[in-house]
Amino acid sequence: MIAPTAISSRFSATASGSSRPVVVVGGGWAGLAAAVELVRHGVPVTLLESARQLGGRARCVRFEQQRVDNGQHIMIGAYRETLRLLEIIGVEESAVFLRRPLRLRMLAPGGGMRLSAARLPAPLHLAAGLLTAGGLPLRDKLRAIRFWQRLQRDGFVLERDISVADLLARHQQSRAIRTNLWEPLCLATLNTAPRDASAQVFIRVLQDAFTGSRRDSDLLIPRTDLGAILPEPALDFIERHGGRVMLGRRVTGLKLRDGRIAALELAEGELEAEHAILAVPHMICQRLLAPHAPLKPIADRLAELTTEPICTVYLQYPRDTRLPDDMAGLTGGTAQWVFDHAQRGQPGVMAVVISADGPHMDMDNTALARQVAAELARIFPHWPAPEGSLVIREKRATFACHVDSHRLRPAHATSVQGCWLAGDYTATELPATLEGAVRSGVQCARAVVAKSPNSGVIRPVE
């Protein structure tokens, strides 16, 4: 890693010859994916990250004497591009994830739902799981199965986008099945309330998870923090294959010349570039693009994309406090999902996730932690009181995946030659997930590789 140091007013091109490196702006999962894909094809890369650590919105923080993620992420077997990326950088899936067949346990005082995917080929495993789910009347299960069959018959495509709430009402989904299944899945994957969330994106998520392989719906339970899963091994891979990673370097502007990218502006000077992949949050991307007439139409659309928060409440209980499963959904209160960190070697640590906006955003951290602890106490009355807490608020965690938000999401290529956009907000057809971020970075990198003047000799690096 190259630490921030004093540098000249203009960076040197590269030590490997006259060709300039591809500059990747942003060290989140999209930027790291782009850089890995480029260096494995022999393309020189310089990655600039404004923060002092990699990971972007999936980074690590301290909780008492432990390292935890700034937010809990649900990952599934359908994250094919993420799993492929980990394989490339030498991370074995079994070393960082516990793979569990889908099992959802939704908890509420005096009730809830239990659903387990059957050992059948997809999508029969979901249909059988719905039919045998505990805590739901038979009529609700049959309506859910008919809803699924209709989505399949329509090819998971809507004539026009509507809200998830309207979609569920149109298909007569009962309050119980909405509360215990569809709405929690919507919040977990789109981070947007069902009344506002895009039904088209939601059913695309369902299609990816439940119509391919049965393993696509498996839950991937992290054995360690997200920093150890991707950012740290990716940094090592990038540098071992000739790339540079520079922390504490904030890009403040773009320099265009003759319809193409010419350089990036930093406080330290300019960095010349033939290709620049902007793998930054959409708010920052909008500010970088807006001053330039060819890029202003994209900037104007990005300005219309709003954001949604995510709160994660970490509670430290005595070490022998455990959930019945690795994770569980919570209904009827503020908390939505709870994860047991025992598998990470952090027994007694519970991570509680609250997606999207709501009254909890007006509560102070102490009050919110108490509220969440009280809700868990009603479901688990035998648990003792927590011994410590940490509240992490990502106020602009994701873009708001609203109805018709696809019209605001840009393609990876722009009208400026050599200027590329990566990030979960781009036109991936997915919501703001780690998989969407990784896919966008890989797609940008492949487009750059295809345009490289040396593409005839580019080869994967073993």
Protein backbone atom coordinates (compact mmCIF):
# COMPACT_ATOMS: atom_id res chain seq x y z
CA MET A 1 0.00 0.00 0.00
CA ILE A 2 1.34 3.45 -0.85
CA ALA A 3 0.68 5.79 2.04
CA PRO A 4 -0.20 9.45 1.41
CA THR A 5 3.04 11.38 0.97
CA ALA A 6 4.07 14.69 -0.53
CA ILE A 7 4.12 14.43 -4.33
CA SER A 8 4.84 16.69 -7.26
CA SER A 9 2.18 18.78 -8.95
CA ARG A 10 1.83 16.15 -11.66
CA PHE A 11 2.00 12.39 -11.08
CA SER A 12 4.32 10.35 -13.27
CA ALA A 13 2.56 8.11 -15.75
CA THR A 14 3.81 4.62 -14.90
CA ALA A 15 7.08 2.85 -14.52
CA SER A 16 6.04 0.07 -16.87
CA GLY A 17 6.24 2.05 -20.11
CA SER A 18 4.52 4.87 -21.96
CA SER A 19 0.95 3.66 -21.48
CA ARG A 20 -0.80 5.36 -18.58
CA PRO A 21 -2.47 3.25 -15.91
CA VAL A 22 -6.21 3.02 -15.69
CA VAL A 23 -7.24 5.14 -12.72
CA VAL A 24 -9.93 3.71 -10.46
CA VAL A 25 -11.47 6.31 -8.18
CA GLY A 26 -12.89 4.73 -5.04
CA GLY A 27 -11.82 1.75 -2.96
CA GLY A 28 -15.23 0.27 -2.21
CA TRP A 29 -16.28 -3.10 -3.56
CA ALA A 30 -17.00 -1.72 -7.05
CA GLY A 31 -13.58 -0.08 -7.33
CA LEU A 32 -11.77 -3.09 -5.91
CA ALA A 33 -13.59 -5.41 -8.32
CA ALA A 34 -12.62 -3.19 -11.26
CA ALA A 35 -8.98 -3.02 -10.19
CA VAL A 36 -8.70 -6.78 -9.65
CA GLU A 37 -10.26 -7.52 -13.04
CA LEU A 38 -7.88 -5.10 -14.75
CA VAL A 39 -4.64 -6.26 -13.17
CA ARG A 40 -5.48 -9.91 -13.75
CA HIS A 41 -5.51 -9.01 -17.45
CA GLY A 42 -2.17 -7.25 -17.24
CA VAL A 43 -3.57 -3.71 -17.35
CA PRO A 44 -1.69 -1.20 -15.15
CA VAL A 45 -3.96 0.30 -12.47
CA THR A 46 -3.79 3.11 -9.95
CA LEU A 47 -6.58 3.03 -7.36
CA LEU A 48 -7.28 6.22 -5.40
CA GLU A 49 -9.29 6.14 -2.16
CA SER A 50 -10.10 9.30 -0.20
CA ALA A 51 -10.41 7.47 3.13
CA ARG A 52 -7.62 5.85 5.14
CA GLN A 53 -9.03 2.35 4.63
CA LEU A 54 -10.57 0.36 1.80
CA GLY A 55 -14.07 -1.07 1.75
CA GLY A 56 -16.25 1.99 1.19
CA ARG A 57 -19.63 1.49 2.81
CA ALA A 58 -18.64 -2.07 3.78
CA ARG A 59 -15.78 -1.29 6.12
CA CYS A 60 -14.76 -2.17 9.67
CA VAL A 61 -15.10 -0.26 12.95
CA ARG A 62 -14.20 -1.00 16.55
CA PHE A 63 -16.76 -2.27 19.08
CA GLU A 64 -15.15 -2.54 22.48
CA GLN A 65 -12.21 -4.92 21.90
CA GLN A 66 -13.58 -6.34 18.66
CA ARG A 67 -13.71 -5.42 14.99
CA VAL A 68 -17.18 -5.36 13.41
CA ASP A 69 -18.66 -4.22 10.12
CA ASN A 70 -20.14 -0.74 9.80
CA GLY A 71 -23.29 -2.53 8.60
CA GLN A 72 -24.50 -6.10 8.40
CA HIS A 73 -24.96 -7.46 4.87
CA ILE A 74 -27.07 -10.44 3.85
CA MET A 75 -25.31 -12.45 1.15
CA ILE A 76 -26.68 -15.39 -0.82
CA GLY A 77 -25.45 -18.04 -3.20
CA ALA A 78 -26.70 -16.03 -6.19
CA TYR A 79 -23.81 -13.59 -5.60
CA ARG A 80 -21.95 -15.35 -8.39
CA GLU A 81 -19.74 -12.43 -9.41
CA THR A 82 -18.70 -11.80 -5.82
CA LEU A 83 -17.84 -15.45 -5.30
CA ARG A 84 -15.91 -15.50 -8.59
CA LEU A 85 -13.96 -12.43 -7.51
CA LEU A 86 -13.05 -14.03 -4.19
CA GLU A 87 -11.81 -17.13 -6.02
CA ILE A 88 -9.62 -14.98 -8.27
CA ILE A 89 -7.91 -13.26 -5.34
CA GLY A 90 -7.37 -16.59 -3.59
CA VAL A 91 -10.10 -16.49 -0.94
CA GLU A 92 -11.80 -19.83 -0.43
CA GLU A 93 -15.53 -19.58 0.13
CA SER A 94 -15.48 -22.07 2.98
CA ALA A 95 -12.81 -20.03 4.76
CA VAL A 96 -14.95 -16.88 4.96
CA PHE A 97 -18.56 -18.09 4.72
CA LEU A 98 -20.76 -20.74 6.21
CA ARG A 99 -23.13 -21.82 3.44
CA ARG A 100 -26.57 -22.68 4.79
CA PRO A 101 -29.65 -23.83 2.84
CA LEU A 102 -32.30 -21.10 2.99
CA ARG A 103 -34.07 -21.07 6.32
CA LEU A 104 -36.05 -18.04 7.41
CA ARG A 105 -37.26 -17.72 10.96
CA MET A 106 -39.43 -14.66 11.49
CA LEU A 107 -39.94 -13.90 15.17
CA ALA A 108 -42.59 -11.89 16.99
CA PRO A 109 -43.97 -12.05 20.54
CA GLY A 110 -46.35 -14.99 20.52
CA GLY A 111 -46.00 -15.80 16.81
CA GLY A 112 -43.93 -15.67 13.63
CA MET A 113 -43.13 -17.88 10.66
CA ARG A 114 -40.63 -20.59 9.77
CA LEU A 115 -39.71 -21.37 6.16
CA SER A 116 -37.06 -23.79 4.93
CA ALA A 117 -36.19 -24.46 1.30
CA ALA A 118 -36.80 -28.09 0.38
CA ARG A 119 -34.12 -30.35 -1.06
CA LEU A 120 -35.60 -30.10 -4.54
CA PRO A 121 -34.46 -28.43 -7.78
CA ALA A 122 -35.21 -24.71 -8.11
CA PRO A 123 -37.82 -23.31 -8.10
CA LEU A 124 -39.64 -26.31 -6.61
CA HIS A 125 -37.55 -25.92 -3.46
CA LEU A 126 -39.25 -22.56 -2.80
CA ALA A 127 -42.76 -23.78 -3.62
CA ALA A 128 -42.35 -26.75 -1.30
CA GLY A 129 -40.87 -24.48 1.35
CA LEU A 130 -43.87 -22.16 1.13
CA LEU A 131 -46.28 -25.07 1.31
CA THR A 132 -44.67 -26.48 4.45
CA ALA A 133 -43.95 -23.14 6.16
CA GLY A 134 -44.96 -23.00 9.80
CA GLY A 135 -47.07 -20.22 11.25
CA LEU A 136 -49.14 -19.47 8.12
CA PRO A 137 -52.68 -20.59 7.20
CA LEU A 138 -52.93 -22.89 4.18
CA ARG A 139 -54.84 -20.29 2.16
CA ASP A 140 -51.99 -17.81 2.58
CA LYS A 141 -49.45 -20.37 1.42
CA LEU A 142 -51.50 -21.19 -1.68
CA ARG A 143 -51.86 -17.50 -2.55
CA ALA A 144 -48.10 -17.07 -2.22
CA ILE A 145 -47.48 -20.04 -4.52
CA ARG A 146 -49.97 -18.69 -7.09
CA PHE A 147 -48.21 -15.31 -6.91
CA TRP A 148 -44.89 -17.01 -7.61
CA GLN A 149 -46.33 -18.99 -10.51
CA ARG A 150 -47.68 -15.79 -12.07
CA LEU A 151 -44.29 -14.10 -11.82
CA GLN A 152 -42.70 -17.10 -13.54
CA ARG A 153 -45.35 -17.15 -16.26
CA ASP A 154 -44.70 -13.46 -16.96
CA GLY A 155 -40.96 -14.00 -17.11
CA PHE A 156 -40.42 -11.80 -14.04
CA VAL A 157 -41.15 -8.71 -16.15
CA LEU A 158 -43.86 -6.15 -15.46
CA GLU A 159 -45.62 -4.15 -18.16
CA ARG A 160 -44.83 -1.07 -16.08
CA ASP A 161 -43.08 -0.59 -12.78
CA ILE A 162 -45.24 -0.26 -9.69
CA SER A 163 -44.53 -0.35 -5.96
CA VAL A 164 -43.94 -3.62 -4.14
CA ALA A 165 -46.96 -2.83 -1.95
CA ASP A 166 -49.17 -2.45 -5.04
CA LEU A 167 -47.78 -5.65 -6.54
CA LEU A 168 -48.58 -7.62 -3.39
CA ALA A 169 -52.07 -6.13 -3.19
CA ARG A 170 -52.70 -6.93 -6.85
CA HIS A 171 -51.89 -10.57 -6.17
CA GLN A 172 -53.97 -10.68 -2.98
CA GLN A 173 -51.13 -11.49 -0.65
CA SER A 174 -52.44 -11.66 2.91
CA ARG A 175 -51.24 -9.44 5.71
CA ALA A 176 -49.52 -12.42 7.35
CA ILE A 177 -47.51 -13.42 4.28
CA ARG A 178 -46.64 -9.79 3.56
CA THR A 179 -45.49 -9.12 7.12
CA ASN A 180 -43.53 -12.35 7.50
CA LEU A 181 -42.03 -12.82 4.04
CA TRP A 182 -42.38 -10.37 1.18
CA GLU A 183 -41.99 -7.09 3.06
CA PRO A 184 -38.95 -8.19 5.12
CA LEU A 185 -37.31 -9.47 1.91
CA CYS A 186 -38.06 -6.16 0.21
CA LEU A 187 -36.49 -4.14 3.02
CA ALA A 188 -33.49 -6.45 3.26
CA THR A 189 -32.67 -6.38 -0.45
CA LEU A 190 -33.87 -2.98 -1.70
CA ASN A 191 -33.47 -0.98 1.54
CA THR A 192 -36.64 0.84 0.56
CA ALA A 193 -40.10 0.67 2.11
CA PRO A 194 -42.55 -1.52 0.13
CA ARG A 195 -44.90 1.43 -0.45
CA ASP A 196 -42.11 3.14 -2.46
CA ALA A 197 -39.91 0.26 -3.64
CA SER A 198 -39.64 -0.81 -7.28
CA ALA A 199 -41.54 -4.03 -7.87
CA GLN A 200 -39.52 -4.70 -11.04
CA VAL A 201 -36.23 -4.68 -9.16
CA PHE A 202 -37.75 -6.74 -6.34
CA ILE A 203 -38.93 -9.52 -8.62
CA ARG A 204 -35.55 -9.49 -10.38
CA VAL A 205 -34.00 -10.25 -6.98
CA LEU A 206 -36.49 -13.09 -6.50
CA GLN A 207 -35.67 -14.43 -9.95
CA ASP A 208 -31.93 -14.46 -9.28
CA ALA A 209 -32.33 -16.11 -5.89
CA PHE A 210 -34.95 -18.77 -6.66
CA THR A 211 -35.05 -19.76 -10.34
CA GLY A 212 -31.50 -20.84 -11.16
CA SER A 213 -29.78 -23.37 -8.96
CA ARG A 214 -31.11 -24.40 -5.56
CA ARG A 215 -27.77 -23.25 -4.17
CA ASP A 216 -28.48 -19.69 -5.33
CA SER A 217 -30.86 -19.22 -2.41
CA ASP A 218 -28.34 -20.48 0.15
CA LEU A 219 -27.45 -18.01 2.89
CA LEU A 220 -23.76 -17.09 3.12
CA ILE A 221 -23.04 -16.42 6.78
CA PRO A 222 -19.73 -14.54 7.20
CA ARG A 223 -17.12 -16.18 9.41
CA THR A 224 -15.22 -12.90 9.69
CA ASP A 225 -15.66 -9.20 9.03
CA LEU A 226 -16.14 -7.88 5.51
CA GLY A 227 -12.74 -6.21 5.48
CA ALA A 228 -11.04 -9.58 5.79
CA ILE A 229 -13.31 -11.09 3.13
CA LEU A 230 -12.59 -8.74 0.22
CA PRO A 231 -10.70 -5.44 0.80
CA GLU A 232 -7.58 -6.85 2.43
CA PRO A 233 -7.06 -9.82 0.05
CA ALA A 234 -7.94 -7.62 -2.95
CA LEU A 235 -5.33 -5.05 -1.91
CA ASP A 236 -2.70 -7.78 -1.73
CA PHE A 237 -3.72 -9.16 -5.13
CA ILE A 238 -3.70 -5.75 -6.83
CA GLU A 239 -0.26 -4.84 -5.52
CA ARG A 240 1.22 -8.28 -6.26
CA HIS A 241 0.10 -7.87 -9.86
CA GLY A 242 1.62 -4.44 -10.39
CA GLY A 243 -1.21 -2.13 -9.36
CA ARG A 244 -0.91 0.85 -7.02
CA VAL A 245 -3.32 1.62 -4.18
CA MET A 246 -3.14 5.12 -2.71
CA LEU A 247 -5.12 6.06 0.37
CA GLY A 248 -6.04 9.56 1.49
CA ARG A 249 -6.25 10.80 -2.10
CA ARG A 250 -9.48 12.67 -2.86
CA VAL A 251 -10.35 13.40 -6.49
CA THR A 252 -11.82 16.90 -6.70
CA GLY A 253 -12.47 17.23 -10.42
CA LEU A 254 -12.15 15.86 -13.93
CA LYS A 255 -10.19 17.34 -16.80
CA LEU A 256 -11.52 16.68 -20.30
CA ARG A 257 -9.86 17.33 -23.62
CA ASP A 258 -11.33 16.79 -27.10
CA GLY A 259 -14.21 14.68 -25.86
CA ARG A 260 -12.15 12.32 -23.74
CA ILE A 261 -10.82 12.08 -20.22
CA ALA A 262 -7.41 13.73 -19.86
CA ALA A 263 -6.66 13.90 -16.14
CA LEU A 264 -8.04 13.78 -12.64
CA GLU A 265 -7.65 16.75 -10.32
CA LEU A 266 -6.45 16.19 -6.74
CA ALA A 267 -5.26 18.51 -4.02
CA GLU A 268 -1.74 17.24 -4.75
CA GLY A 269 -1.95 17.99 -8.47
CA GLU A 270 -3.19 16.25 -11.61
CA LEU A 271 -3.08 12.59 -12.50
CA GLU A 272 -3.13 11.98 -16.24
CA ALA A 273 -5.41 9.18 -17.41
CA GLU A 274 -6.63 7.62 -20.62
CA HIS A 275 -9.31 5.72 -18.72
CA ALA A 276 -10.89 6.61 -15.40
CA ILE A 277 -13.42 4.42 -13.62
CA LEU A 278 -15.42 6.52 -11.16
CA ALA A 279 -16.39 3.97 -8.51
CA VAL A 280 -17.72 6.46 -5.97
CA PRO A 281 -21.17 7.00 -4.40
CA HIS A 282 -23.64 8.58 -6.78
CA MET A 283 -23.69 11.88 -4.86
CA ILE A 284 -19.93 12.29 -5.35
CA CYS A 285 -20.13 11.15 -8.96
CA GLN A 286 -22.81 13.76 -9.60
CA ARG A 287 -20.53 16.52 -8.30
CA LEU A 288 -17.64 15.37 -10.46
CA LEU A 289 -19.71 15.17 -13.65
CA ALA A 290 -21.90 18.28 -13.26
CA PRO A 291 -19.33 20.94 -14.37
CA HIS A 292 -18.85 19.29 -17.77
CA ALA A 293 -21.48 19.84 -20.49
CA PRO A 294 -21.14 16.37 -22.09
CA LEU A 295 -21.66 14.72 -18.68
CA LYS A 296 -24.28 17.07 -17.26
CA PRO A 297 -27.30 14.99 -18.44
CA ILE A 298 -26.02 12.08 -16.36
CA ALA A 299 -25.31 14.40 -13.43
CA ASP A 300 -28.85 15.80 -13.62
CA ARG A 301 -30.36 12.32 -13.40
CA LEU A 302 -28.08 11.37 -10.53
CA ALA A 303 -29.21 14.49 -8.68
CA GLU A 304 -32.73 13.03 -8.70
CA LEU A 305 -31.63 9.79 -7.05
CA THR A 306 -32.43 10.02 -3.36
CA THR A 307 -30.90 7.95 -0.57
CA GLU A 308 -31.99 5.64 2.24
CA PRO A 309 -30.30 5.02 5.61
CA ILE A 310 -29.36 1.80 7.38
CA CYS A 311 -28.89 1.55 11.13
CA THR A 312 -26.98 -1.29 12.74
CA VAL A 313 -27.26 -1.75 16.50
CA TYR A 314 -24.60 -3.98 18.04
CA LEU A 315 -25.47 -5.40 21.45
CA GLN A 316 -22.97 -7.28 23.60
CA TYR A 317 -24.64 -9.97 25.73
CA PRO A 318 -22.96 -12.54 27.97
CA ARG A 319 -20.97 -15.01 25.89
CA ASP A 320 -23.47 -17.88 26.25
CA THR A 321 -26.37 -15.86 24.77
CA ARG A 322 -27.35 -17.40 21.44
CA LEU A 323 -30.01 -17.18 18.74
CA PRO A 324 -31.82 -20.36 17.68
CA ASP A 325 -30.21 -19.88 14.22
CA ASP A 326 -27.41 -17.78 12.78
CA MET A 327 -29.96 -15.05 11.97
CA ALA A 328 -33.63 -14.28 12.37
CA GLY A 329 -36.16 -11.75 11.14
CA LEU A 330 -38.08 -9.61 13.62
CA THR A 331 -41.58 -8.31 12.95
CA GLY A 332 -43.89 -5.88 14.67
CA GLY A 333 -41.24 -3.51 16.03
CA THR A 334 -38.32 -1.29 15.13
CA ALA A 335 -35.72 -4.05 14.68
CA GLN A 336 -35.92 -6.03 11.43
CA TRP A 337 -33.11 -8.61 11.43
CA VAL A 338 -30.76 -9.93 14.08
CA PHE A 339 -27.50 -11.79 13.44
CA ASP A 340 -25.60 -13.89 15.95
CA HIS A 341 -21.84 -13.26 15.67
CA ALA A 342 -20.85 -16.46 17.43
CA GLN A 343 -19.77 -17.88 14.05
CA ARG A 344 -17.31 -15.00 13.78
CA GLY A 345 -15.71 -15.86 17.08
CA GLN A 346 -17.66 -13.09 18.83
CA PRO A 347 -20.04 -14.97 21.13
CA GLY A 348 -22.79 -12.86 22.65
CA VAL A 349 -22.56 -10.13 19.99
CA MET A 350 -25.88 -9.51 18.24
CA ALA A 351 -26.07 -7.26 15.18
CA VAL A 352 -29.54 -5.81 14.68
CA VAL A 353 -30.36 -4.19 11.33
CA ILE A 354 -32.96 -1.51 10.64
CA SER A 355 -33.30 -0.73 6.93
CA ALA A 356 -34.75 2.40 5.30
CA ASP A 357 -36.11 5.55 6.92
CA GLY A 358 -38.46 5.62 9.89
CA PRO A 359 -39.10 7.01 13.38
CA HIS A 360 -35.91 5.36 14.64
CA MET A 361 -33.88 7.98 12.77
CA ASP A 362 -35.19 10.63 15.19
CA MET A 363 -34.07 8.67 18.27
CA ASP A 364 -30.67 9.22 19.84
CA ASN A 365 -28.29 6.28 19.96
CA THR A 366 -28.93 5.44 23.61
CA ALA A 367 -32.69 5.42 23.15
CA LEU A 368 -32.47 3.34 19.98
CA ALA A 369 -30.22 0.73 21.61
CA ARG A 370 -32.62 0.49 24.55
CA GLN A 371 -35.60 0.13 22.22
CA VAL A 372 -33.96 -2.69 20.28
CA ALA A 373 -32.84 -4.46 23.47
CA ALA A 374 -36.40 -4.23 24.84
CA GLU A 375 -37.82 -5.78 21.65
CA LEU A 376 -35.36 -8.67 21.86
CA ALA A 377 -36.24 -9.13 25.54
CA ARG A 378 -39.91 -9.60 24.64
CA ILE A 379 -39.01 -12.35 22.20
CA PHE A 380 -36.25 -13.90 24.34
CA PRO A 381 -37.39 -13.24 27.94
CA HIS A 382 -34.67 -15.56 29.28
CA TRP A 383 -31.87 -13.37 27.87
CA PRO A 384 -30.03 -11.14 30.35
CA ALA A 385 -29.62 -7.43 29.70
CA PRO A 386 -26.91 -6.46 27.21
CA GLU A 387 -23.60 -5.33 28.67
CA GLY A 388 -22.72 -2.83 25.94
CA SER A 389 -23.97 -1.33 22.71
CA LEU A 390 -22.83 0.46 19.56
CA VAL A 391 -25.15 2.21 17.08
CA ILE A 392 -23.89 2.84 13.54
CA ARG A 393 -25.98 5.05 11.28
CA GLU A 394 -25.23 5.16 7.58
CA LYS A 395 -27.56 8.03 6.69
CA ARG A 396 -26.94 7.67 2.97
CA ALA A 397 -26.27 3.96 2.85
CA THR A 398 -27.90 3.24 -0.52
CA PHE A 399 -29.81 4.88 -3.31
CA ALA A 400 -33.56 4.76 -2.83
CA CYS A 401 -34.78 1.99 -5.13
CA HIS A 402 -38.06 3.72 -5.94
CA VAL A 403 -40.58 2.93 -8.66
CA ASP A 404 -39.08 3.85 -12.06
CA SER A 405 -35.69 4.65 -10.51
CA HIS A 406 -34.17 2.68 -13.40
CA ARG A 407 -34.62 5.74 -15.63
CA LEU A 408 -32.15 7.62 -13.40
CA ARG A 409 -29.49 4.91 -13.23
CA PRO A 410 -26.66 5.49 -15.75
CA ALA A 411 -24.89 3.02 -17.98
CA HIS A 412 -21.25 2.22 -17.31
CA ALA A 413 -20.03 4.02 -20.43
CA THR A 414 -20.43 7.77 -20.82
CA SER A 415 -20.30 10.10 -23.83
CA VAL A 416 -16.78 11.08 -22.77
CA GLN A 417 -14.24 8.61 -24.08
CA GLY A 418 -12.38 6.88 -21.26
CA CYS A 419 -14.80 7.99 -18.52
CA TRP A 420 -16.61 5.05 -16.90
CA LEU A 421 -19.06 4.75 -14.02
CA ALA A 422 -19.14 1.90 -11.52
CA GLY A 423 -21.24 1.43 -8.42
CA ASP A 424 -24.37 -0.28 -7.21
CA TYR A 425 -26.44 2.70 -8.45
CA THR A 426 -25.55 2.08 -12.09
CA ALA A 427 -27.80 0.17 -14.51
CA THR A 428 -27.13 -3.32 -13.14
CA GLU A 429 -30.87 -4.18 -12.77
CA LEU A 430 -30.03 -5.05 -9.17
CA PRO A 431 -30.67 -3.05 -6.00
CA ALA A 432 -27.88 -1.48 -3.95
CA THR A 433 -26.12 -4.69 -2.93
CA LEU A 434 -22.51 -5.79 -2.73
CA GLU A 435 -23.16 -8.06 -5.70
CA GLY A 436 -24.44 -5.12 -7.74
CA ALA A 437 -21.34 -3.12 -6.86
CA VAL A 438 -19.00 -5.97 -7.81
CA ARG A 439 -20.80 -6.63 -11.10
CA SER A 440 -20.57 -2.97 -12.07
CA GLY A 441 -16.84 -2.84 -11.40
CA VAL A 442 -16.18 -5.99 -13.37
CA GLN A 443 -18.26 -4.79 -16.32
CA CYS A 444 -16.37 -1.48 -16.44
CA ALA A 445 -13.03 -3.27 -16.32
CA ARG A 446 -13.99 -5.63 -19.13
CA ALA A 447 -15.06 -2.68 -21.27
CA VAL A 448 -11.68 -1.02 -20.69
CA VAL A 449 -9.84 -4.25 -21.49
CA ALA A 450 -11.79 -4.55 -24.76
CA LYS A 451 -10.65 -1.04 -25.76
CA SER A 452 -7.03 -1.50 -24.72
CA PRO A 453 -4.54 -1.06 -27.58
CA ASN A 454 -2.71 -4.09 -26.19
CA SER A 455 -5.77 -6.29 -26.02
CA GLY A 456 -4.17 -8.81 -28.32
CA VAL A 457 -1.57 -9.70 -25.72
CA ILE A 458 -3.66 -9.26 -22.60
CA ARG A 459 -3.92 -12.48 -20.71
CA PRO A 460 -5.19 -13.55 -17.28
CA VAL A 461 -2.47 -13.54 -14.66
CA GLU A 462 -2.12 -16.87 -12.90
